[in-house]
Each structure stands twice: as C-alpha cells, then as structure tokens.
C-alpha cells in the first residue's frame, strides 16, 4: 500500500519526535514511570500544546477534525518514544463520545486537554469478548447507577471520567441489552486500584457499587458504538506498534554494526543479516496493513471495517512478536535488561498485542466475517 504523508502530517510528526528526543528521553521516561502517578503533567501539557488532544475532535468543539490516518502518524511517534501518558485512553474515550453523539461539551474539554478519559470495558471473565458483560445498570435514565468490576482499565487511576459498558437486560454475552455510561471519577460508589503494568503504563481495577452514571447513546443498544470504538482503538494501537517496531529494528541494526566479535562487527555475519531481513519484511507488512486499517477505521462500511481491522491486529501482532523476539536474541543478554530501551519496546509490543483483542481473537473474528468461507 502506497501512503505519502501530507505536509501537515509530516510537520506534526517532526515536532512530536523533536520533543521526545529533547525532553522525553529514555531516562526521563524511566523517572516518570517510577513516579507515584506514572505520568507527567508537563508532558501532558506539551501534548495539548502540540494540538494532539484536539486532533480527532470536530472543529465545532475546538478540534482539527483529524482522521484515523492522522492519528496513525501521532501514534507511531508515541510508540517510538515509549510515551506513557494517558493519550490513547483519552482518545479512545473521545471516540465513544463522538459515536454516541450529543456530547459536545465533553469533547470540547477533551480538545482543550482539560478532561482525561478511561474506558472501563473488560471484566475478570470476559478476556477479549467485549460483549461478555455482567456489570449491571439499574434505575431510571435520570438516576442510573452501575455495579460491577472492570479490569485492566488503561490509565483508570489518572482519568477524570470513565466510559463504562454495562448490561441493562439480556444474558451475559448478548449484544442486545448493552448500555454505555459516563461515570465521573470523583463520584461515590467507586473503588480504584491503580497499578503499573509490565510495559510501564498504568492500569486499574475499578469496582462500581451503585455508582451514579449518565447514559451515553441509546440505552440497551450500545453494542454498535462499543464495537466501532474498539475497532478505532485497535487501529490506533496498530499504528503505535509500527512505531515501536521501527525503533526496535533501528536499535538492533545499530547494535549489530557496533558490537565487535571475532575481530569485526557481528553484523557482517550472514546468518544475522538474514534475520534482520526477516525482521524488515515483517515490519513492512505490518506497516502496510496497519495503514490500511487506519484508513478503514472511519469507514461507514461496517463489514469492511471489521475485516480490515481484525486482519491488521492479527498481522501486526504476529509481526510484533517476531520482531521483538529477534531483537532481544540479537542483543544477547542485555536485551532483557531494564537499562536498555529494547526490553521496554518489547514489553510494550507484548501489551499492545493483548489490548482490544489478541492475534487469535482477531483471526477468529476475521474468519467469521461474511464471505470468508464462500466458495466460488
């Protein structure tokens, strides 16, 4: 797939990369990760100043009406820099608000960087099935409340509000009967257990006990919005993974050129050159299909969106595993140490692979799409 960056996209990517190289260095990131909150107010302010929080928001709410392809460019750079700020979680939450409609005030706050969001979707039993929901919604629309436990809520401990999926009616895995809500982080009935994940990002387990909630969209008919937002988020994660793999490939190539053994750089050995070539092929295939997913994430053709996003998430997941494992092996023992960025890139790739559906989940979803088993 041929994809040329627009001048505006190139300038935004360059500005973001310069900031990361200057102010969000690997050592600076390690200090942020080890802080109490695991994030940096200064870094968040910079993301806002660069216009990143406003990028996907409509102009009417103070944004730039950017597409998923525009977001792909941003996510690549954030992946290269291993940025741990709650950007992805907030942008995924904003997508829910956009698709549900009627949330102009909150979207304006997101664009201005005044509102951080987190999406409470997964549950202890659900694994990758977002329709597997036992969290309950009760009460009338003007006094709704949710009760249940949500797990691995990305940046849940740093959010000002949550997008929560809950069941209004139906059985546990029914797609009918799913409702979406907005729950303020400072409301009653919430217990938030915030932890640091293996990749340095923050995640939380949140217990809702009759927490006051504001309905988002049509009650009982939230599945279409939930699925579409999750596909958008998966496409963004594919973009981030490509950025991570880009950085990891470059670092590995540089290491092979400088590591001396038997009187010369180990990169001269043909066997290692072949492994680097295989890594490059995986990376470029992942880049192509991730770009396609970014283009189709906004598509009104639901079947095409599902098919392309799942194909991308599965292929990128396979490439990430291969590139990550090869990079660690080619670095040798230091490839898994905390002092080397390679280990952190690999951890981030691993976590991305498990977020919003792993490779096996998306392969099954791809195969379940209409036409896959049709025989001409």
Protein backbone atom coordinates (compact mmCIF):
# COMPACT_ATOMS: atom_id res chain seq x y z
CA UNK A 1 0.00 0.00 0.00
CA UNK A 2 1.42 3.36 -1.05
CA UNK A 3 0.94 6.09 1.53
CA UNK A 4 2.53 9.53 1.38
CA UNK A 5 2.33 11.83 4.38
CA UNK A 6 0.73 15.20 3.87
CA UNK A 7 2.92 18.19 4.68
CA UNK A 8 0.87 18.92 7.82
CA UNK A 9 1.22 15.31 9.00
CA UNK A 10 4.96 15.39 8.41
CA UNK A 11 5.36 18.62 10.33
CA UNK A 12 3.33 17.28 13.25
CA UNK A 13 5.35 14.07 13.34
CA UNK A 14 8.63 16.01 13.23
CA UNK A 15 7.55 18.33 16.04
CA UNK A 16 6.48 15.41 18.21
CA UNK A 17 9.69 13.50 17.53
CA UNK A 18 11.85 16.53 18.36
CA UNK A 19 10.07 16.99 21.68
CA UNK A 20 10.51 13.32 22.57
CA UNK A 21 14.20 13.36 21.68
CA UNK A 22 14.78 16.57 23.63
CA UNK A 23 12.53 16.31 26.69
CA UNK A 24 11.03 12.80 26.83
CA UNK A 25 14.26 10.85 26.75
CA UNK A 26 14.54 7.25 27.89
CA UNK A 27 15.95 8.31 31.26
CA UNK A 28 13.20 10.94 31.69
CA UNK A 29 10.59 8.32 30.87
CA UNK A 30 12.01 5.90 33.44
CA UNK A 31 11.69 8.56 36.11
CA UNK A 32 8.08 9.24 35.10
CA UNK A 33 7.22 5.54 35.16
CA UNK A 34 8.59 5.23 38.69
CA UNK A 35 6.67 8.25 39.99
CA UNK A 36 3.53 7.85 42.10
CA UNK A 37 1.11 8.53 39.24
CA UNK A 38 3.25 7.13 36.43
CA UNK A 39 2.53 10.17 34.28
CA UNK A 40 3.85 13.70 33.84
CA UNK A 41 1.68 16.85 33.98
CA UNK A 42 4.36 18.69 31.99
CA UNK A 43 4.34 16.07 29.25
CA UNK A 44 0.55 16.16 29.08
CA UNK A 45 0.65 19.95 28.73
CA UNK A 46 3.07 19.60 25.82
CA UNK A 47 0.79 17.11 24.07
CA UNK A 48 -2.04 19.61 24.47
CA UNK A 49 0.10 22.49 23.17
CA UNK A 50 1.04 20.44 20.12
CA UNK A 51 -2.67 20.07 19.40
CA UNK A 52 -2.74 16.30 19.81
CA UNK A 53 -5.75 16.19 22.14
CA UNK A 54 -7.67 18.37 19.66
CA UNK A 55 -6.57 16.42 16.58
CA UNK A 56 -9.51 13.98 16.22
CA UNK A 57 -12.15 16.35 17.62
CA UNK A 58 -14.54 18.23 15.33
CA UNK A 59 -13.85 21.88 14.60
CA UNK A 60 -17.13 22.85 16.28
CA UNK A 61 -15.68 21.60 19.58
CA UNK A 62 -12.32 23.30 19.14
CA UNK A 63 -10.58 20.48 17.31
CA UNK A 64 -8.99 19.84 13.92
CA UNK A 65 -11.30 17.08 12.64
CA UNK A 66 -8.39 14.71 12.10
CA UNK A 67 -8.95 11.23 10.69
CA UNK A 68 -7.66 7.91 11.99
CA UNK A 69 -4.89 8.22 9.38
CA UNK A 70 -3.82 11.48 11.03
CA UNK A 71 -3.89 9.74 14.40
CA UNK A 72 -1.77 6.92 12.95
CA UNK A 73 1.08 9.39 12.43
CA UNK A 74 0.87 10.53 16.05
CA UNK A 75 0.64 7.02 17.47
CA UNK A 76 3.75 5.97 15.55
CA UNK A 77 5.80 8.69 17.21
CA UNK A 78 4.38 7.97 20.66
CA UNK A 79 5.33 4.33 20.13
CA UNK A 80 8.89 5.19 19.14
CA UNK A 81 9.23 7.35 22.24
CA UNK A 82 7.53 4.87 24.60
CA UNK A 83 5.33 7.71 25.84
CA UNK A 84 3.34 6.60 28.90
CA UNK A 85 0.89 9.50 29.16
CA UNK A 86 -2.89 8.78 29.08
CA UNK A 87 -3.26 9.88 25.47
CA UNK A 88 -4.56 6.67 23.91
CA UNK A 89 -7.07 6.08 26.72
CA UNK A 90 -8.43 9.62 26.35
CA UNK A 91 -8.67 9.47 22.55
CA UNK A 92 -10.47 6.11 22.74
CA UNK A 93 -12.90 7.63 25.22
CA UNK A 94 -13.40 10.61 22.90
CA UNK A 95 -14.29 8.21 20.09
CA UNK A 96 -17.08 6.79 22.23
CA UNK A 97 -18.40 10.31 22.83
CA UNK A 98 -18.29 11.09 19.11
CA UNK A 99 -20.07 7.94 18.03
CA UNK A 100 -22.74 8.19 20.73
CA UNK A 101 -23.49 11.85 19.89
CA UNK A 102 -24.74 14.70 22.00
CA UNK A 103 -21.51 15.13 24.00
CA UNK A 104 -20.20 18.39 22.55
CA UNK A 105 -19.28 19.92 25.91
CA UNK A 106 -17.17 16.95 26.99
CA UNK A 107 -15.50 16.77 23.59
CA UNK A 108 -14.57 20.43 23.85
CA UNK A 109 -12.97 19.69 27.23
CA UNK A 110 -11.02 16.81 25.71
CA UNK A 111 -9.80 19.03 22.87
CA UNK A 112 -8.59 21.61 25.37
CA UNK A 113 -6.76 18.96 27.40
CA UNK A 114 -9.00 19.62 30.41
CA UNK A 115 -10.57 16.15 30.53
CA UNK A 116 -8.78 12.81 30.67
CA UNK A 117 -10.86 9.72 29.95
CA UNK A 118 -10.52 5.99 30.52
CA UNK A 119 -12.60 3.16 29.08
CA UNK A 120 -13.83 0.53 31.56
CA UNK A 121 -14.77 -2.29 29.20
CA UNK A 122 -13.09 -5.55 30.22
CA UNK A 123 -14.16 -7.76 33.11
CA UNK A 124 -12.49 -10.63 35.00
CA UNK A 125 -14.30 -13.29 32.96
CA UNK A 126 -14.52 -11.54 29.59
CA UNK A 127 -10.97 -11.89 28.21
CA UNK A 128 -11.26 -10.37 24.71
CA UNK A 129 -15.05 -10.58 24.32
CA UNK A 130 -16.35 -7.05 24.93
CA UNK A 131 -19.93 -8.36 24.88
CA UNK A 132 -19.23 -10.63 27.87
CA UNK A 133 -20.62 -8.21 30.45
CA UNK A 134 -22.02 -8.90 33.92
CA UNK A 135 -21.74 -5.34 35.21
CA UNK A 136 -25.32 -4.22 35.77
CA UNK A 137 -27.08 -0.96 35.05
CA UNK A 138 -30.09 -0.11 37.18
CA UNK A 139 -32.54 2.72 37.82
CA UNK A 140 -34.26 5.23 35.53
CA UNK A 141 -32.31 7.24 32.95
CA UNK A 142 -32.18 10.32 35.16
CA UNK A 143 -30.89 8.32 38.13
CA UNK A 144 -28.94 5.45 36.56
CA UNK A 145 -26.31 3.51 38.52
CA UNK A 146 -23.80 0.81 37.58
CA UNK A 147 -22.48 -2.05 39.70
CA UNK A 148 -19.69 -4.46 38.82
CA UNK A 149 -15.94 -4.89 38.42
CA UNK A 150 -13.89 -3.70 35.45
CA UNK A 151 -10.31 -4.85 34.97
CA UNK A 152 -7.23 -3.56 33.11
CA UNK A 153 -8.72 -0.09 32.71
CA UNK A 154 -5.89 1.75 30.95
CA UNK A 155 -4.99 4.87 32.94
CA UNK A 156 -8.05 4.40 35.10
CA UNK A 157 -6.25 5.90 38.07
CA UNK A 158 -5.44 9.08 36.16
CA UNK A 159 -8.82 9.66 34.48
CA UNK A 160 -11.37 12.36 35.27
CA UNK A 161 -14.23 10.27 33.90
CA UNK A 162 -14.89 6.73 32.66
CA UNK A 163 -16.73 5.30 29.69
CA UNK A 164 -18.38 2.20 31.15
CA UNK A 165 -20.16 -0.70 29.44
CA UNK A 166 -22.93 -2.31 31.50
CA UNK A 167 -25.86 -4.62 30.91
CA UNK A 168 -29.37 -3.21 31.05
CA UNK A 169 -31.01 -6.50 30.08
CA UNK A 170 -30.30 -9.77 28.31
CA UNK A 171 -27.93 -12.65 29.01
CA UNK A 172 -24.24 -12.36 29.82
CA UNK A 173 -22.87 -12.49 26.25
CA UNK A 174 -25.82 -10.97 24.40
CA UNK A 175 -25.03 -7.98 22.24
CA UNK A 176 -28.54 -6.71 22.76
CA UNK A 177 -29.02 -5.06 26.13
CA UNK A 178 -25.59 -3.41 26.42
CA UNK A 179 -25.63 0.21 27.55
CA UNK A 180 -22.83 2.77 27.75
CA UNK A 181 -22.41 5.31 30.53
CA UNK A 182 -20.19 8.16 31.64
CA UNK A 183 -19.14 7.93 35.28
CA UNK A 184 -17.21 10.74 36.98
CA UNK A 185 -14.03 9.63 38.72
CA UNK A 186 -14.85 11.63 41.85
CA UNK A 187 -18.36 10.24 42.31
CA UNK A 188 -19.48 7.91 45.08
CA UNK A 189 -19.51 4.13 44.74
CA UNK A 190 -16.05 3.76 43.18
CA UNK A 191 -13.01 1.84 44.39
CA UNK A 192 -9.97 2.27 42.13
CA UNK A 193 -6.91 0.04 42.46
CA UNK A 194 -4.16 1.55 40.30
CA UNK A 195 -1.06 -0.46 39.34
CA UNK A 196 1.90 -0.25 36.98
CA UNK A 197 1.70 -2.71 34.09
CA UNK A 198 4.69 -4.63 32.69
CA UNK A 199 5.19 -2.04 29.95
CA UNK A 200 5.31 0.92 32.33
CA UNK A 201 1.80 2.11 31.52
CA UNK A 202 -0.78 2.46 34.31
CA UNK A 203 -3.89 0.28 34.56
CA UNK A 204 -6.57 -0.10 37.19
CA UNK A 205 -9.17 -2.47 38.53
CA UNK A 206 -12.32 -0.48 39.27
CA UNK A 207 -15.22 -1.64 41.41
CA UNK A 208 -18.53 0.14 40.80
CA UNK A 209 -21.05 -0.11 43.63
CA UNK A 210 -24.24 1.65 42.53
CA UNK A 211 -22.09 4.43 41.10
CA UNK A 212 -24.15 7.30 39.62
CA UNK A 213 -23.92 7.22 35.83
CA UNK A 214 -25.02 9.30 32.85
CA UNK A 215 -26.32 7.31 29.84
CA UNK A 216 -24.27 7.58 26.66
CA UNK A 217 -26.25 6.96 23.49
CA UNK A 218 -29.35 4.77 23.34
CA UNK A 219 -29.86 2.58 26.45
CA UNK A 220 -29.66 -1.13 25.67
CA UNK A 221 -28.33 -0.51 22.16
CA UNK A 222 -24.70 0.31 22.83
CA UNK A 223 -23.06 -2.60 21.04
CA UNK A 224 -22.60 -0.90 17.68
CA UNK A 225 -20.90 2.08 19.30
CA UNK A 226 -18.80 -0.20 21.52
CA UNK A 227 -17.60 -2.30 18.60
CA UNK A 228 -16.89 0.67 16.34
CA UNK A 229 -14.93 2.49 19.04
CA UNK A 230 -12.95 -0.67 19.83
CA UNK A 231 -12.04 -1.05 16.14
CA UNK A 232 -10.88 2.56 16.06
CA UNK A 233 -8.76 1.93 19.15
CA UNK A 234 -7.31 -1.26 17.67
CA UNK A 235 -6.29 0.65 14.53
CA UNK A 236 -4.52 3.26 16.67
CA UNK A 237 -2.70 0.54 18.58
CA UNK A 238 -1.52 -0.97 15.30
CA UNK A 239 -0.02 2.41 14.45
CA UNK A 240 1.73 2.58 17.80
CA UNK A 241 3.09 -0.93 17.35
CA UNK A 242 4.57 0.02 13.97
CA UNK A 243 6.36 2.93 15.63
CA UNK A 244 7.71 0.65 18.34
CA UNK A 245 8.91 -1.92 15.79
CA UNK A 246 10.54 0.84 13.73
CA UNK A 247 12.55 1.98 16.75
CA UNK A 248 13.41 -1.55 17.81
CA UNK A 249 14.57 -2.51 14.33
CA UNK A 250 16.78 0.60 14.08
CA UNK A 251 18.30 -0.01 17.51
CA UNK A 252 19.04 -3.64 16.66
CA UNK A 253 20.64 -2.71 13.35
CA UNK A 254 22.81 -0.13 15.09
CA UNK A 255 23.84 -2.72 17.69
CA UNK A 256 24.89 -5.23 15.02
CA UNK A 257 27.04 -2.55 13.38
CA UNK A 258 28.86 -1.65 16.60
CA UNK A 259 29.09 -4.91 18.60
CA UNK A 260 32.53 -6.40 17.97
CA UNK A 261 33.23 -10.13 17.97
CA UNK A 262 35.96 -12.23 16.27
CA UNK A 263 37.69 -9.10 15.04
CA UNK A 264 34.74 -7.28 13.49
CA UNK A 265 31.12 -6.19 13.88
CA UNK A 266 28.70 -9.09 14.30
CA UNK A 267 26.51 -7.54 11.60
CA UNK A 268 28.90 -8.91 8.96
CA UNK A 269 27.75 -12.48 9.67
CA UNK A 270 25.35 -13.63 7.00
CA UNK A 271 23.11 -15.55 9.37
CA UNK A 272 22.40 -12.38 11.35
CA UNK A 273 21.85 -10.40 8.16
CA UNK A 274 19.17 -12.91 7.15
CA UNK A 275 17.43 -12.46 10.49
CA UNK A 276 17.45 -8.69 10.08
CA UNK A 277 15.99 -9.11 6.59
CA UNK A 278 13.18 -11.23 8.00
CA UNK A 279 12.51 -8.59 10.66
CA UNK A 280 12.33 -5.91 7.96
CA UNK A 281 9.81 -7.92 5.94
CA UNK A 282 7.58 -8.40 8.99
CA UNK A 283 7.83 -4.71 9.81
CA UNK A 284 6.91 -3.51 6.32
CA UNK A 285 3.99 -5.93 6.01
CA UNK A 286 2.72 -4.75 9.39
CA UNK A 287 3.12 -1.12 8.35
CA UNK A 288 1.11 -1.62 5.16
CA UNK A 289 -1.85 -3.35 6.75
CA UNK A 290 -1.81 -1.01 9.77
CA UNK A 291 -2.08 1.96 7.40
CA UNK A 292 -4.99 0.27 5.64
CA UNK A 293 -6.71 -0.26 8.99
CA UNK A 294 -6.26 3.42 9.83
CA UNK A 295 -7.91 4.38 6.55
CA UNK A 296 -10.80 1.96 7.04
CA UNK A 297 -11.35 2.65 10.76
CA UNK A 298 -13.59 5.59 9.80
CA UNK A 299 -15.36 3.66 7.04
CA UNK A 300 -19.18 3.55 7.06
CA UNK A 301 -18.92 0.03 5.62
CA UNK A 302 -19.13 -1.95 8.87
CA UNK A 303 -18.19 -5.33 7.39
CA UNK A 304 -15.14 -3.89 5.65
CA UNK A 305 -14.06 -2.10 8.84
CA UNK A 306 -14.33 -5.28 10.89
CA UNK A 307 -12.48 -7.36 8.31
CA UNK A 308 -9.59 -4.94 7.77
CA UNK A 309 -9.11 -4.00 11.44
CA UNK A 310 -9.06 -7.64 12.57
CA UNK A 311 -6.66 -8.57 9.76
CA UNK A 312 -4.38 -5.73 10.81
CA UNK A 313 -4.49 -6.51 14.53
CA UNK A 314 -3.69 -10.17 13.83
CA UNK A 315 -0.87 -9.46 11.36
CA UNK A 316 0.66 -6.68 13.45
CA UNK A 317 0.50 -8.96 16.49
CA UNK A 318 2.42 -11.68 14.64
CA UNK A 319 5.00 -9.19 13.38
CA UNK A 320 5.42 -7.62 16.81
CA UNK A 321 6.15 -10.96 18.39
CA UNK A 322 8.68 -11.90 15.71
CA UNK A 323 10.45 -8.54 15.65
CA UNK A 324 10.53 -8.33 19.45
CA UNK A 325 11.91 -11.82 19.96
CA UNK A 326 14.53 -11.46 17.24
CA UNK A 327 15.65 -8.09 18.61
CA UNK A 328 16.11 -9.48 22.10
CA UNK A 329 18.05 -12.51 20.82
CA UNK A 330 20.29 -10.40 18.59
CA UNK A 331 21.08 -8.09 21.50
CA UNK A 332 22.01 -11.06 23.68
CA UNK A 333 21.66 -10.94 27.46
CA UNK A 334 21.41 -7.14 27.63
CA UNK A 335 18.27 -7.32 25.50
CA UNK A 336 16.17 -8.07 28.56
CA UNK A 337 17.73 -5.61 30.98
CA UNK A 338 15.91 -2.61 32.37
CA UNK A 339 18.72 -0.29 31.31
CA UNK A 340 18.22 -0.95 27.60
CA UNK A 341 15.28 0.54 25.65
CA UNK A 342 14.96 -2.67 23.62
CA UNK A 343 13.47 -4.52 26.58
CA UNK A 344 10.88 -1.79 27.09
CA UNK A 345 9.92 -1.71 23.41
CA UNK A 346 9.40 -5.48 23.53
CA UNK A 347 7.24 -5.20 26.65
CA UNK A 348 5.12 -2.52 25.01
CA UNK A 349 4.65 -4.67 21.91
CA UNK A 350 3.57 -7.57 24.10
CA UNK A 351 1.00 -5.44 25.90
CA UNK A 352 -0.36 -3.94 22.68
CA UNK A 353 -0.84 -7.47 21.39
CA UNK A 354 -3.14 -8.24 24.33
CA UNK A 355 -5.13 -4.99 24.22
CA UNK A 356 -8.53 -4.88 22.47
CA UNK A 357 -8.15 -8.46 21.28
CA UNK A 358 -5.08 -10.63 20.73
CA UNK A 359 -3.98 -12.31 17.49
CA UNK A 360 -6.10 -15.45 17.97
CA UNK A 361 -9.20 -13.40 18.81
CA UNK A 362 -8.90 -11.29 15.68
CA UNK A 363 -8.12 -14.27 13.45
CA UNK A 364 -11.39 -15.87 14.61
CA UNK A 365 -13.24 -12.59 14.10
CA UNK A 366 -11.78 -12.19 10.61
CA UNK A 367 -12.76 -15.73 9.66
CA UNK A 368 -16.30 -15.13 10.94
CA UNK A 369 -16.93 -12.24 8.55
CA UNK A 370 -19.35 -12.77 5.63
CA UNK A 371 -17.77 -14.22 2.53
CA UNK A 372 -14.70 -15.74 4.17
CA UNK A 373 -15.86 -19.34 3.65
CA UNK A 374 -17.70 -18.76 0.38
CA UNK A 375 -16.53 -20.94 -2.45
CA UNK A 376 -16.65 -19.54 -5.96
